[in-house]
């Protein structure tokens, strides 16, 4: 199927994000798509007839070429190249994956850890939600950062309340547009403070569908300190998911970072006993937890959540990476909360830890 110019530009951005291209390159295509989307059909048709795409502010030679080829009814050459060059990153994107990985990818229904441009993501919630729906997700949670993570533009209580209003409106729009059903879930990635407390107002945390709790600071604290901090968080009644538990980075533009030191058995036993899921973070640079810790959490009896931690629409396609890792360790689908139907999932998140 040949995309129209707006869809073609957005798909180019999607593949660039998926491949972790430079932000400025991605923004050029997303900004160009926004420029064209704001025009009438008649205006875009006139531009196509005249071949004058670069007369628009925000449209350069490369983005104009994509728009022109799509307007002519062709798959743009650059888009075709990106599609062909895309690396397999999961059981449904080519490459060789086990039958168990394919089965698990088929079973996963949603994503409980994603970000938008309200904190440190690159696109608005509507774009993230639309991509989640296009990828076949049944539910999608927006979990932007909490206030003290200023480097990530964390949401104050006031900004979070504004975002909840926006998500309610967005859910109404999606329900009315006739597209595939997508349940939009409210959430937050709340920072675990040094004393194990949670970085957001209690009434707000209690009102959300999903709370992911993660450590982002003092990652080199001693084992006893880190263990106590994490146990306090995962046993908090508001917390549903323990995010990227070791904090490690194994590749990528930010360099590498070693795992935090903590008593994993004690933390995972606390997760099991409180009903808090251990996140399997699908970001290529995180791959967190390591395989040995996933196996330990499985042995202990933990629940899991396979999430993308996506900061851009293209990164929502990383879910298959987490599925392949979980399948390799032998985690059964029913122990993974993101395989559950949304009503079962929400009944679980509503239970106090």
C-alpha atoms as a PDB file:
ATOM      1  CA  UNK A   1       0.000   0.000   0.000  1.00  0.00           C
ATOM      2  CA  UNK A   2       1.337   3.417  -0.980  1.00  0.00           C
ATOM      3  CA  UNK A   3       1.110   5.944   1.867  1.00  0.00           C
ATOM      4  CA  UNK A   4      -0.004   9.538   1.349  1.00  0.00           C
ATOM      5  CA  UNK A   5       2.660  12.241   1.898  1.00  0.00           C
ATOM      6  CA  UNK A   6       1.831  12.764   5.599  1.00  0.00           C
ATOM      7  CA  UNK A   7       1.776   9.038   6.351  1.00  0.00           C
ATOM      8  CA  UNK A   8       4.978   8.502   4.344  1.00  0.00           C
ATOM      9  CA  UNK A   9       6.866  11.164   6.293  1.00  0.00           C
ATOM     10  CA  UNK A  10       5.657   9.746   9.603  1.00  0.00           C
ATOM     11  CA  UNK A  11       6.634   6.238   8.585  1.00  0.00           C
ATOM     12  CA  UNK A  12      10.138   7.426   7.688  1.00  0.00           C
ATOM     13  CA  UNK A  13      10.362   8.894  11.198  1.00  0.00           C
ATOM     14  CA  UNK A  14       9.056   5.622  12.647  1.00  0.00           C
ATOM     15  CA  UNK A  15      11.818   3.551  11.034  1.00  0.00           C
ATOM     16  CA  UNK A  16      14.483   6.089  11.994  1.00  0.00           C
ATOM     17  CA  UNK A  17      13.297   6.032  15.627  1.00  0.00           C
ATOM     18  CA  UNK A  18      13.221   2.255  15.634  1.00  0.00           C
ATOM     19  CA  UNK A  19      16.870   2.285  14.540  1.00  0.00           C
ATOM     20  CA  UNK A  20      17.777   4.942  17.148  1.00  0.00           C
ATOM     21  CA  UNK A  21      18.753   7.567  14.566  1.00  0.00           C
ATOM     22  CA  UNK A  22      19.798  11.058  15.621  1.00  0.00           C
ATOM     23  CA  UNK A  23      16.913  13.070  17.037  1.00  0.00           C
ATOM     24  CA  UNK A  24      17.408  15.950  14.601  1.00  0.00           C
ATOM     25  CA  UNK A  25      16.942  13.599  11.625  1.00  0.00           C
ATOM     26  CA  UNK A  26      13.756  12.167  13.065  1.00  0.00           C
ATOM     27  CA  UNK A  27      12.355  15.609  13.893  1.00  0.00           C
ATOM     28  CA  UNK A  28      12.894  16.816  10.332  1.00  0.00           C
ATOM     29  CA  UNK A  29      10.472  14.189   9.033  1.00  0.00           C
ATOM     30  CA  UNK A  30       7.964  14.491  11.893  1.00  0.00           C
ATOM     31  CA  UNK A  31       7.936  18.280  11.592  1.00  0.00           C
ATOM     32  CA  UNK A  32       7.428  18.035   7.822  1.00  0.00           C
ATOM     33  CA  UNK A  33       4.516  15.637   8.385  1.00  0.00           C
ATOM     34  CA  UNK A  34       2.944  18.116  10.810  1.00  0.00           C
ATOM     35  CA  UNK A  35       3.327  20.944   8.296  1.00  0.00           C
ATOM     36  CA  UNK A  36       1.533  18.965   5.569  1.00  0.00           C
ATOM     37  CA  UNK A  37      -1.113  17.617   7.923  1.00  0.00           C
ATOM     38  CA  UNK A  38      -2.144  21.192   8.737  1.00  0.00           C
ATOM     39  CA  UNK A  39      -2.910  21.924   5.053  1.00  0.00           C
ATOM     40  CA  UNK A  40      -6.177  21.299   3.265  1.00  0.00           C
ATOM     41  CA  UNK A  41      -6.437  18.435   0.780  1.00  0.00           C
ATOM     42  CA  UNK A  42      -6.753  21.031  -1.978  1.00  0.00           C
ATOM     43  CA  UNK A  43      -3.575  22.818  -0.918  1.00  0.00           C
ATOM     44  CA  UNK A  44      -1.596  19.569  -0.835  1.00  0.00           C
ATOM     45  CA  UNK A  45      -2.940  18.654  -4.290  1.00  0.00           C
ATOM     46  CA  UNK A  46      -1.837  22.053  -5.597  1.00  0.00           C
ATOM     47  CA  UNK A  47       1.656  21.558  -4.187  1.00  0.00           C
ATOM     48  CA  UNK A  48       1.822  18.135  -5.822  1.00  0.00           C
ATOM     49  CA  UNK A  49       0.821  19.560  -9.215  1.00  0.00           C
ATOM     50  CA  UNK A  50       3.415  22.327  -9.023  1.00  0.00           C
ATOM     51  CA  UNK A  51       6.111  20.232  -7.348  1.00  0.00           C
ATOM     52  CA  UNK A  52       6.701  23.151  -5.008  1.00  0.00           C
ATOM     53  CA  UNK A  53       6.931  21.380  -1.634  1.00  0.00           C
ATOM     54  CA  UNK A  54      10.020  23.300  -0.526  1.00  0.00           C
ATOM     55  CA  UNK A  55       8.100  26.570  -0.664  1.00  0.00           C
ATOM     56  CA  UNK A  56       6.682  25.561   2.709  1.00  0.00           C
ATOM     57  CA  UNK A  57       8.573  26.480   5.851  1.00  0.00           C
ATOM     58  CA  UNK A  58       9.887  23.259   7.411  1.00  0.00           C
ATOM     59  CA  UNK A  59      10.064  21.269   4.167  1.00  0.00           C
ATOM     60  CA  UNK A  60      13.591  20.678   2.865  1.00  0.00           C
ATOM     61  CA  UNK A  61      14.866  18.794  -0.187  1.00  0.00           C
ATOM     62  CA  UNK A  62      14.865  15.349   1.484  1.00  0.00           C
ATOM     63  CA  UNK A  63      11.432  15.636   3.046  1.00  0.00           C
ATOM     64  CA  UNK A  64      10.111  17.185  -0.183  1.00  0.00           C
ATOM     65  CA  UNK A  65      11.332  14.178  -2.148  1.00  0.00           C
ATOM     66  CA  UNK A  66       9.426  11.816   0.125  1.00  0.00           C
ATOM     67  CA  UNK A  67       6.273  13.930  -0.131  1.00  0.00           C
ATOM     68  CA  UNK A  68       6.505  14.256  -3.911  1.00  0.00           C
ATOM     69  CA  UNK A  69       6.982  10.540  -4.533  1.00  0.00           C
ATOM     70  CA  UNK A  70       4.118   9.634  -2.193  1.00  0.00           C
ATOM     71  CA  UNK A  71       1.850  12.235  -3.833  1.00  0.00           C
ATOM     72  CA  UNK A  72       2.645  10.645  -7.207  1.00  0.00           C
ATOM     73  CA  UNK A  73       1.355   7.298  -5.948  1.00  0.00           C
ATOM     74  CA  UNK A  74       4.786   5.761  -5.412  1.00  0.00           C
ATOM     75  CA  UNK A  75       6.432   4.325  -2.349  1.00  0.00           C
ATOM     76  CA  UNK A  76       9.162   6.915  -1.699  1.00  0.00           C
ATOM     77  CA  UNK A  77      12.622   5.517  -2.425  1.00  0.00           C
ATOM     78  CA  UNK A  78      13.971   6.500   0.999  1.00  0.00           C
ATOM     79  CA  UNK A  79      11.045   4.838   2.753  1.00  0.00           C
ATOM     80  CA  UNK A  80      11.516   1.680   0.711  1.00  0.00           C
ATOM     81  CA  UNK A  81      15.195   1.666   1.653  1.00  0.00           C
ATOM     82  CA  UNK A  82      14.411   2.056   5.361  1.00  0.00           C
ATOM     83  CA  UNK A  83      11.886  -0.766   5.232  1.00  0.00           C
ATOM     84  CA  UNK A  84      14.373  -3.050   3.482  1.00  0.00           C
ATOM     85  CA  UNK A  85      17.259  -2.174   5.799  1.00  0.00           C
ATOM     86  CA  UNK A  86      15.293  -2.507   9.056  1.00  0.00           C
ATOM     87  CA  UNK A  87      16.925  -5.018  11.371  1.00  0.00           C
ATOM     88  CA  UNK A  88      14.765  -7.797  12.793  1.00  0.00           C
ATOM     89  CA  UNK A  89      14.044  -6.886  16.411  1.00  0.00           C
ATOM     90  CA  UNK A  90      11.401  -9.425  17.310  1.00  0.00           C
ATOM     91  CA  UNK A  91       9.515 -12.517  16.236  1.00  0.00           C
ATOM     92  CA  UNK A  92       7.269 -10.582  13.831  1.00  0.00           C
ATOM     93  CA  UNK A  93       9.957  -8.547  12.070  1.00  0.00           C
ATOM     94  CA  UNK A  94      11.901 -11.258  10.289  1.00  0.00           C
ATOM     95  CA  UNK A  95      15.019 -13.089  11.378  1.00  0.00           C
ATOM     96  CA  UNK A  96      15.205 -16.350  13.260  1.00  0.00           C
ATOM     97  CA  UNK A  97      13.265 -16.580  16.512  1.00  0.00           C
ATOM     98  CA  UNK A  98      12.105 -19.544  18.506  1.00  0.00           C
ATOM     99  CA  UNK A  99       8.557 -20.845  18.391  1.00  0.00           C
ATOM    100  CA  UNK A 100       8.203 -19.802  22.029  1.00  0.00           C
ATOM    101  CA  UNK A 101       9.205 -16.215  21.170  1.00  0.00           C
ATOM    102  CA  UNK A 102       6.653 -16.082  18.356  1.00  0.00           C
ATOM    103  CA  UNK A 103       3.961 -17.485  20.658  1.00  0.00           C
ATOM    104  CA  UNK A 104       4.747 -14.922  23.322  1.00  0.00           C
ATOM    105  CA  UNK A 105       4.772 -12.025  20.851  1.00  0.00           C
ATOM    106  CA  UNK A 106       1.337 -13.147  19.696  1.00  0.00           C
ATOM    107  CA  UNK A 107       0.124 -13.252  23.304  1.00  0.00           C
ATOM    108  CA  UNK A 108       1.296  -9.797  24.415  1.00  0.00           C
ATOM    109  CA  UNK A 109      -1.586  -7.316  24.326  1.00  0.00           C
ATOM    110  CA  UNK A 110      -0.226  -4.052  25.676  1.00  0.00           C
ATOM    111  CA  UNK A 111       2.600  -1.838  26.871  1.00  0.00           C
ATOM    112  CA  UNK A 112       2.732  -0.330  30.372  1.00  0.00           C
ATOM    113  CA  UNK A 113       5.832   1.897  30.149  1.00  0.00           C
ATOM    114  CA  UNK A 114       6.066   4.654  27.507  1.00  0.00           C
ATOM    115  CA  UNK A 115       6.903   8.356  27.353  1.00  0.00           C
ATOM    116  CA  UNK A 116       5.757  11.407  25.417  1.00  0.00           C
ATOM    117  CA  UNK A 117       6.988  14.941  24.801  1.00  0.00           C
ATOM    118  CA  UNK A 118       5.377  15.940  28.084  1.00  0.00           C
ATOM    119  CA  UNK A 119       8.557  14.630  29.727  1.00  0.00           C
ATOM    120  CA  UNK A 120      11.583  13.374  27.780  1.00  0.00           C
ATOM    121  CA  UNK A 121       9.862  11.684  24.838  1.00  0.00           C
ATOM    122  CA  UNK A 122       9.902  13.005  21.307  1.00  0.00           C
ATOM    123  CA  UNK A 123       6.234  12.992  20.273  1.00  0.00           C
ATOM    124  CA  UNK A 124       2.860  14.012  21.688  1.00  0.00           C
ATOM    125  CA  UNK A 125       0.605  11.459  23.390  1.00  0.00           C
ATOM    126  CA  UNK A 126      -1.748  11.324  20.402  1.00  0.00           C
ATOM    127  CA  UNK A 127       1.075  10.222  18.093  1.00  0.00           C
ATOM    128  CA  UNK A 128       2.244   7.586  20.564  1.00  0.00           C
ATOM    129  CA  UNK A 129      -1.282   6.258  20.995  1.00  0.00           C
ATOM    130  CA  UNK A 130      -1.942   6.184  17.248  1.00  0.00           C
ATOM    131  CA  UNK A 131       1.230   4.185  16.659  1.00  0.00           C
ATOM    132  CA  UNK A 132       0.408   1.767  19.485  1.00  0.00           C
ATOM    133  CA  UNK A 133      -2.959   1.176  17.859  1.00  0.00           C
ATOM    134  CA  UNK A 134      -1.423   0.708  14.412  1.00  0.00           C
ATOM    135  CA  UNK A 135       0.936  -1.891  15.879  1.00  0.00           C
ATOM    136  CA  UNK A 136      -2.048  -3.845  17.169  1.00  0.00           C
ATOM    137  CA  UNK A 137      -1.828  -3.077  20.861  1.00  0.00           C
ATOM    138  CA  UNK A 138      -5.061  -3.567  22.804  1.00  0.00           C
ATOM    139  CA  UNK A 139      -3.973  -1.163  25.532  1.00  0.00           C
ATOM    140  CA  UNK A 140      -1.244   1.409  26.015  1.00  0.00           C
ATOM    141  CA  UNK A 141      -0.164   3.288  29.121  1.00  0.00           C
ATOM    142  CA  UNK A 142       1.488   6.697  29.123  1.00  0.00           C
ATOM    143  CA  UNK A 143       3.983   6.807  32.003  1.00  0.00           C
ATOM    144  CA  UNK A 144       5.911  10.057  31.836  1.00  0.00           C
ATOM    145  CA  UNK A 145       8.467  10.898  34.511  1.00  0.00           C
ATOM    146  CA  UNK A 146       7.800  12.380  37.946  1.00  0.00           C
ATOM    147  CA  UNK A 147       8.790  15.871  39.232  1.00  0.00           C
ATOM    148  CA  UNK A 148      12.228  15.360  40.759  1.00  0.00           C
ATOM    149  CA  UNK A 149      13.648  13.959  37.531  1.00  0.00           C
ATOM    150  CA  UNK A 150      14.152  17.464  36.199  1.00  0.00           C
ATOM    151  CA  UNK A 151      16.610  16.305  33.540  1.00  0.00           C
ATOM    152  CA  UNK A 152      13.667  14.435  31.981  1.00  0.00           C
ATOM    153  CA  UNK A 153      11.192  17.316  32.437  1.00  0.00           C
ATOM    154  CA  UNK A 154       9.263  15.320  35.023  1.00  0.00           C
ATOM    155  CA  UNK A 155       5.598  16.181  35.555  1.00  0.00           C
ATOM    156  CA  UNK A 156       4.545  18.266  38.531  1.00  0.00           C
ATOM    157  CA  UNK A 157       1.196  17.321  40.093  1.00  0.00           C
ATOM    158  CA  UNK A 158      -0.440  20.158  38.160  1.00  0.00           C
ATOM    159  CA  UNK A 159       1.032  19.052  34.826  1.00  0.00           C
ATOM    160  CA  UNK A 160       0.073  15.439  35.494  1.00  0.00           C
ATOM    161  CA  UNK A 161      -3.529  16.482  36.173  1.00  0.00           C
ATOM    162  CA  UNK A 162      -3.512  18.395  32.873  1.00  0.00           C
ATOM    163  CA  UNK A 163      -2.184  15.313  31.112  1.00  0.00           C
ATOM    164  CA  UNK A 164      -4.947  13.162  32.582  1.00  0.00           C
ATOM    165  CA  UNK A 165      -7.512  15.566  31.110  1.00  0.00           C
ATOM    166  CA  UNK A 166      -5.789  15.335  27.737  1.00  0.00           C
ATOM    167  CA  UNK A 167      -5.778  11.523  27.853  1.00  0.00           C
ATOM    168  CA  UNK A 168      -9.494  11.462  28.672  1.00  0.00           C
ATOM    169  CA  UNK A 169     -10.188  13.606  25.606  1.00  0.00           C
ATOM    170  CA  UNK A 170      -7.886  11.455  23.497  1.00  0.00           C
ATOM    171  CA  UNK A 171      -9.701   8.298  24.593  1.00  0.00           C
ATOM    172  CA  UNK A 172     -12.997   9.859  23.518  1.00  0.00           C
ATOM    173  CA  UNK A 173     -11.529  10.778  20.122  1.00  0.00           C
ATOM    174  CA  UNK A 174     -10.216   7.267  19.556  1.00  0.00           C
ATOM    175  CA  UNK A 175     -13.541   5.729  20.543  1.00  0.00           C
ATOM    176  CA  UNK A 176     -15.368   7.953  18.061  1.00  0.00           C
ATOM    177  CA  UNK A 177     -13.079   7.682  15.029  1.00  0.00           C
ATOM    178  CA  UNK A 178     -14.040   4.136  14.030  1.00  0.00           C
ATOM    179  CA  UNK A 179     -10.506   2.781  14.179  1.00  0.00           C
ATOM    180  CA  UNK A 180      -9.342  -0.355  16.004  1.00  0.00           C
ATOM    181  CA  UNK A 181     -10.049  -0.362  19.720  1.00  0.00           C
ATOM    182  CA  UNK A 182      -7.237   0.859  21.969  1.00  0.00           C
ATOM    183  CA  UNK A 183      -7.686   1.264  25.717  1.00  0.00           C
ATOM    184  CA  UNK A 184      -5.657   4.292  26.834  1.00  0.00           C
ATOM    185  CA  UNK A 185      -4.364   3.805  30.366  1.00  0.00           C
ATOM    186  CA  UNK A 186      -3.203   6.568  32.683  1.00  0.00           C
ATOM    187  CA  UNK A 187       0.118   6.122  34.409  1.00  0.00           C
ATOM    188  CA  UNK A 188       3.472   7.398  35.571  1.00  0.00           C
ATOM    189  CA  UNK A 189       7.054   6.253  35.876  1.00  0.00           C
ATOM    190  CA  UNK A 190       7.537   7.457  39.413  1.00  0.00           C
ATOM    191  CA  UNK A 191      11.050   7.975  40.713  1.00  0.00           C
ATOM    192  CA  UNK A 192      12.047   5.881  43.744  1.00  0.00           C
ATOM    193  CA  UNK A 193      13.528   8.379  46.170  1.00  0.00           C
ATOM    194  CA  UNK A 194      16.581   7.727  48.359  1.00  0.00           C
ATOM    195  CA  UNK A 195      14.420   6.595  51.279  1.00  0.00           C
ATOM    196  CA  UNK A 196      12.216   4.352  49.098  1.00  0.00           C
ATOM    197  CA  UNK A 197       9.408   6.899  48.915  1.00  0.00           C
ATOM    198  CA  UNK A 198       7.606   7.756  45.693  1.00  0.00           C
ATOM    199  CA  UNK A 199       8.018  11.073  43.879  1.00  0.00           C
ATOM    200  CA  UNK A 200       4.382  12.106  43.404  1.00  0.00           C
ATOM    201  CA  UNK A 201       1.319  13.057  45.417  1.00  0.00           C
ATOM    202  CA  UNK A 202      -0.424  10.050  46.939  1.00  0.00           C
ATOM    203  CA  UNK A 203      -3.902  10.934  45.693  1.00  0.00           C
ATOM    204  CA  UNK A 204      -2.592  11.167  42.136  1.00  0.00           C
ATOM    205  CA  UNK A 205      -0.777   7.842  42.361  1.00  0.00           C
ATOM    206  CA  UNK A 206      -3.934   6.211  43.679  1.00  0.00           C
ATOM    207  CA  UNK A 207      -5.966   7.595  40.770  1.00  0.00           C
ATOM    208  CA  UNK A 208      -3.758   6.161  38.007  1.00  0.00           C
ATOM    209  CA  UNK A 209      -4.273   2.907  36.140  1.00  0.00           C
ATOM    210  CA  UNK A 210      -0.579   1.947  36.208  1.00  0.00           C
ATOM    211  CA  UNK A 211       2.369   3.009  38.376  1.00  0.00           C
ATOM    212  CA  UNK A 212       5.863   1.975  37.285  1.00  0.00           C
ATOM    213  CA  UNK A 213       8.486   2.709  39.970  1.00  0.00           C
ATOM    214  CA  UNK A 214      12.138   3.050  38.950  1.00  0.00           C
ATOM    215  CA  UNK A 215      15.466   4.146  40.425  1.00  0.00           C
ATOM    216  CA  UNK A 216      17.137   6.942  38.453  1.00  0.00           C
ATOM    217  CA  UNK A 217      19.515   8.455  41.008  1.00  0.00           C
ATOM    218  CA  UNK A 218      22.300   7.310  43.343  1.00  0.00           C
ATOM    219  CA  UNK A 219      22.613   4.115  41.303  1.00  0.00           C
ATOM    220  CA  UNK A 220      25.993   3.306  42.878  1.00  0.00           C
ATOM    221  CA  UNK A 221      24.665   3.173  46.456  1.00  0.00           C
ATOM    222  CA  UNK A 222      25.788   0.191  48.535  1.00  0.00           C
ATOM    223  CA  UNK A 223      23.803  -3.042  48.382  1.00  0.00           C
ATOM    224  CA  UNK A 224      22.071  -2.708  51.748  1.00  0.00           C
ATOM    225  CA  UNK A 225      20.940   0.838  51.009  1.00  0.00           C
ATOM    226  CA  UNK A 226      19.700  -0.006  47.526  1.00  0.00           C
ATOM    227  CA  UNK A 227      17.941  -3.163  48.698  1.00  0.00           C
ATOM    228  CA  UNK A 228      16.022  -1.338  51.431  1.00  0.00           C
ATOM    229  CA  UNK A 229      15.125   1.444  49.022  1.00  0.00           C
ATOM    230  CA  UNK A 230      13.746  -0.941  46.396  1.00  0.00           C
ATOM    231  CA  UNK A 231      11.833  -3.106  48.862  1.00  0.00           C
ATOM    232  CA  UNK A 232      10.149  -0.029  50.329  1.00  0.00           C
ATOM    233  CA  UNK A 233       9.004   0.976  46.845  1.00  0.00           C
ATOM    234  CA  UNK A 234       7.790  -2.388  45.528  1.00  0.00           C
ATOM    235  CA  UNK A 235       5.770  -3.012  48.677  1.00  0.00           C
ATOM    236  CA  UNK A 236       4.059   0.372  48.445  1.00  0.00           C
ATOM    237  CA  UNK A 237       0.361  -0.244  47.685  1.00  0.00           C
ATOM    238  CA  UNK A 238       0.471   2.211  44.765  1.00  0.00           C
ATOM    239  CA  UNK A 239       3.235   0.444  42.810  1.00  0.00           C
ATOM    240  CA  UNK A 240       2.388  -2.071  40.079  1.00  0.00           C
ATOM    241  CA  UNK A 241       5.679  -2.561  38.219  1.00  0.00           C
ATOM    242  CA  UNK A 242       9.362  -2.343  39.178  1.00  0.00           C
ATOM    243  CA  UNK A 243      11.035  -0.641  36.208  1.00  0.00           C
ATOM    244  CA  UNK A 244      14.482  -1.521  34.754  1.00  0.00           C
ATOM    245  CA  UNK A 245      15.639  -2.900  38.097  1.00  0.00           C
ATOM    246  CA  UNK A 246      19.437  -2.858  37.690  1.00  0.00           C
ATOM    247  CA  UNK A 247      19.678   0.493  35.882  1.00  0.00           C
ATOM    248  CA  UNK A 248      22.362  -0.914  33.607  1.00  0.00           C
ATOM    249  CA  UNK A 249      23.237   0.295  30.100  1.00  0.00           C
ATOM    250  CA  UNK A 250      24.892  -2.232  27.803  1.00  0.00           C
ATOM    251  CA  UNK A 251      25.233  -0.210  24.585  1.00  0.00           C
ATOM    252  CA  UNK A 252      24.137   2.959  22.830  1.00  0.00           C
ATOM    253  CA  UNK A 253      24.904   6.636  22.647  1.00  0.00           C
ATOM    254  CA  UNK A 254      24.869   7.179  26.411  1.00  0.00           C
ATOM    255  CA  UNK A 255      27.686   4.678  26.843  1.00  0.00           C
ATOM    256  CA  UNK A 256      27.581   1.740  29.222  1.00  0.00           C
ATOM    257  CA  UNK A 257      26.746   1.603  32.918  1.00  0.00           C
ATOM    258  CA  UNK A 258      27.155  -1.306  35.353  1.00  0.00           C
ATOM    259  CA  UNK A 259      24.293  -2.862  37.262  1.00  0.00           C
ATOM    260  CA  UNK A 260      23.277  -1.422  40.598  1.00  0.00           C
ATOM    261  CA  UNK A 261      24.190  -3.641  43.536  1.00  0.00           C
ATOM    262  CA  UNK A 262      21.282  -5.030  45.587  1.00  0.00           C
ATOM    263  CA  UNK A 263      20.018  -8.279  47.081  1.00  0.00           C
ATOM    264  CA  UNK A 264      18.007  -9.461  44.087  1.00  0.00           C
ATOM    265  CA  UNK A 265      16.462 -12.415  45.904  1.00  0.00           C
ATOM    266  CA  UNK A 266      15.142 -10.183  48.689  1.00  0.00           C
ATOM    267  CA  UNK A 267      13.786  -7.602  46.236  1.00  0.00           C
ATOM    268  CA  UNK A 268      12.121 -10.213  44.012  1.00  0.00           C
ATOM    269  CA  UNK A 269      10.597 -11.979  47.010  1.00  0.00           C
ATOM    270  CA  UNK A 270       9.133  -8.623  48.047  1.00  0.00           C
ATOM    271  CA  UNK A 271       7.775  -8.190  44.502  1.00  0.00           C
ATOM    272  CA  UNK A 272       6.216 -11.658  44.605  1.00  0.00           C
ATOM    273  CA  UNK A 273       4.658 -11.171  48.022  1.00  0.00           C
ATOM    274  CA  UNK A 274       3.235  -7.747  47.177  1.00  0.00           C
ATOM    275  CA  UNK A 275       2.075  -8.647  43.671  1.00  0.00           C
ATOM    276  CA  UNK A 276       4.404  -6.167  41.973  1.00  0.00           C
ATOM    277  CA  UNK A 277       5.558  -7.189  38.488  1.00  0.00           C
ATOM    278  CA  UNK A 278       9.231  -7.160  37.486  1.00  0.00           C
ATOM    279  CA  UNK A 279       9.639  -5.268  34.247  1.00  0.00           C
ATOM    280  CA  UNK A 280      11.397  -6.844  31.277  1.00  0.00           C
ATOM    281  CA  UNK A 281      12.599  -3.645  29.641  1.00  0.00           C
ATOM    282  CA  UNK A 282      12.816  -3.979  25.848  1.00  0.00           C
ATOM    283  CA  UNK A 283      15.133  -1.035  25.158  1.00  0.00           C
ATOM    284  CA  UNK A 284      18.197  -2.394  23.329  1.00  0.00           C
ATOM    285  CA  UNK A 285      20.586  -0.398  25.515  1.00  0.00           C
ATOM    286  CA  UNK A 286      19.031  -1.663  28.748  1.00  0.00           C
ATOM    287  CA  UNK A 287      18.092  -5.355  28.262  1.00  0.00           C
ATOM    288  CA  UNK A 288      17.135  -5.210  31.915  1.00  0.00           C
ATOM    289  CA  UNK A 289      16.978  -7.419  33.948  1.00  0.00           C
ATOM    290  CA  UNK A 290      19.914  -9.555  32.799  1.00  0.00           C
ATOM    291  CA  UNK A 291      19.013 -13.154  31.956  1.00  0.00           C
ATOM    292  CA  UNK A 292      20.258 -14.523  35.268  1.00  0.00           C
ATOM    293  CA  UNK A 293      17.999 -12.147  37.198  1.00  0.00           C
ATOM    294  CA  UNK A 294      14.991 -12.929  35.008  1.00  0.00           C
ATOM    295  CA  UNK A 295      15.606 -16.608  35.758  1.00  0.00           C
ATOM    296  CA  UNK A 296      15.846 -15.862  39.494  1.00  0.00           C
ATOM    297  CA  UNK A 297      12.605 -13.855  39.469  1.00  0.00           C
ATOM    298  CA  UNK A 298      10.915 -16.700  37.589  1.00  0.00           C
ATOM    299  CA  UNK A 299      12.148 -19.240  40.139  1.00  0.00           C
ATOM    300  CA  UNK A 300      10.935 -17.053  43.029  1.00  0.00           C
ATOM    301  CA  UNK A 301       7.463 -16.768  41.515  1.00  0.00           C
ATOM    302  CA  UNK A 302       7.298 -13.168  40.324  1.00  0.00           C
ATOM    303  CA  UNK A 303       4.952 -11.662  37.794  1.00  0.00           C
ATOM    304  CA  UNK A 304       6.502  -9.827  34.843  1.00  0.00           C
ATOM    305  CA  UNK A 305       5.599  -6.960  32.505  1.00  0.00           C
ATOM    306  CA  UNK A 306       7.214  -6.798  29.063  1.00  0.00           C
ATOM    307  CA  UNK A 307       7.395  -3.081  28.206  1.00  0.00           C
ATOM    308  CA  UNK A 308       9.164  -0.941  25.617  1.00  0.00           C
ATOM    309  CA  UNK A 309      10.069   2.133  27.690  1.00  0.00           C
ATOM    310  CA  UNK A 310       9.521   3.856  24.336  1.00  0.00           C
ATOM    311  CA  UNK A 311      10.405   7.537  24.073  1.00  0.00           C
ATOM    312  CA  UNK A 312       9.238   7.843  20.448  1.00  0.00           C
ATOM    313  CA  UNK A 313       6.602   6.141  18.283  1.00  0.00           C
ATOM    314  CA  UNK A 314       9.099   3.991  16.378  1.00  0.00           C
ATOM    315  CA  UNK A 315      10.410   2.561  19.625  1.00  0.00           C
ATOM    316  CA  UNK A 316       7.012   1.023  20.387  1.00  0.00           C
ATOM    317  CA  UNK A 317       8.036  -1.701  17.933  1.00  0.00           C
ATOM    318  CA  UNK A 318      10.775  -2.857  20.337  1.00  0.00           C
ATOM    319  CA  UNK A 319       8.315  -5.018  22.281  1.00  0.00           C
ATOM    320  CA  UNK A 320       9.457  -8.107  20.386  1.00  0.00           C
ATOM    321  CA  UNK A 321      12.952  -7.758  21.842  1.00  0.00           C
ATOM    322  CA  UNK A 322      11.588  -8.252  25.332  1.00  0.00           C
ATOM    323  CA  UNK A 323       9.417 -11.152  24.152  1.00  0.00           C
ATOM    324  CA  UNK A 324      12.424 -12.954  22.681  1.00  0.00           C
ATOM    325  CA  UNK A 325      14.414 -12.533  25.913  1.00  0.00           C
ATOM    326  CA  UNK A 326      11.529 -13.681  28.114  1.00  0.00           C
ATOM    327  CA  UNK A 327      10.918 -16.728  25.941  1.00  0.00           C
ATOM    328  CA  UNK A 328      14.601 -17.676  26.027  1.00  0.00           C
ATOM    329  CA  UNK A 329      14.438 -17.778  29.842  1.00  0.00           C
ATOM    330  CA  UNK A 330      11.238 -19.823  29.712  1.00  0.00           C
ATOM    331  CA  UNK A 331       8.799 -17.388  31.293  1.00  0.00           C
ATOM    332  CA  UNK A 332       5.255 -18.672  30.641  1.00  0.00           C
ATOM    333  CA  UNK A 333       2.824 -16.187  29.066  1.00  0.00           C
ATOM    334  CA  UNK A 334       0.358 -16.208  31.969  1.00  0.00           C
ATOM    335  CA  UNK A 335       3.054 -14.930  34.349  1.00  0.00           C
ATOM    336  CA  UNK A 336       3.394 -11.845  32.122  1.00  0.00           C
ATOM    337  CA  UNK A 337       0.739  -9.262  32.963  1.00  0.00           C
ATOM    338  CA  UNK A 338       0.970  -7.610  29.538  1.00  0.00           C
ATOM    339  CA  UNK A 339      -0.516 -10.777  28.019  1.00  0.00           C
ATOM    340  CA  UNK A 340      -3.630 -10.379  30.158  1.00  0.00           C
ATOM    341  CA  UNK A 341      -6.898  -8.897  28.858  1.00  0.00           C
ATOM    342  CA  UNK A 342      -7.302  -5.303  29.945  1.00  0.00           C
ATOM    343  CA  UNK A 343     -10.076  -6.023  32.459  1.00  0.00           C
ATOM    344  CA  UNK A 344      -7.924  -8.604  34.231  1.00  0.00           C
ATOM    345  CA  UNK A 345      -4.939  -6.239  34.128  1.00  0.00           C
ATOM    346  CA  UNK A 346      -6.886  -3.358  35.655  1.00  0.00           C
ATOM    347  CA  UNK A 347      -8.355  -5.579  38.332  1.00  0.00           C
ATOM    348  CA  UNK A 348      -4.772  -6.512  39.253  1.00  0.00           C
ATOM    349  CA  UNK A 349      -3.467  -2.929  39.285  1.00  0.00           C
ATOM    350  CA  UNK A 350      -6.432  -1.898  41.443  1.00  0.00           C
ATOM    351  CA  UNK A 351      -5.455  -4.381  44.137  1.00  0.00           C
ATOM    352  CA  UNK A 352      -3.265  -2.904  46.914  1.00  0.00           C
ATOM    353  CA  UNK A 353       0.229  -4.409  47.021  1.00  0.00           C
END
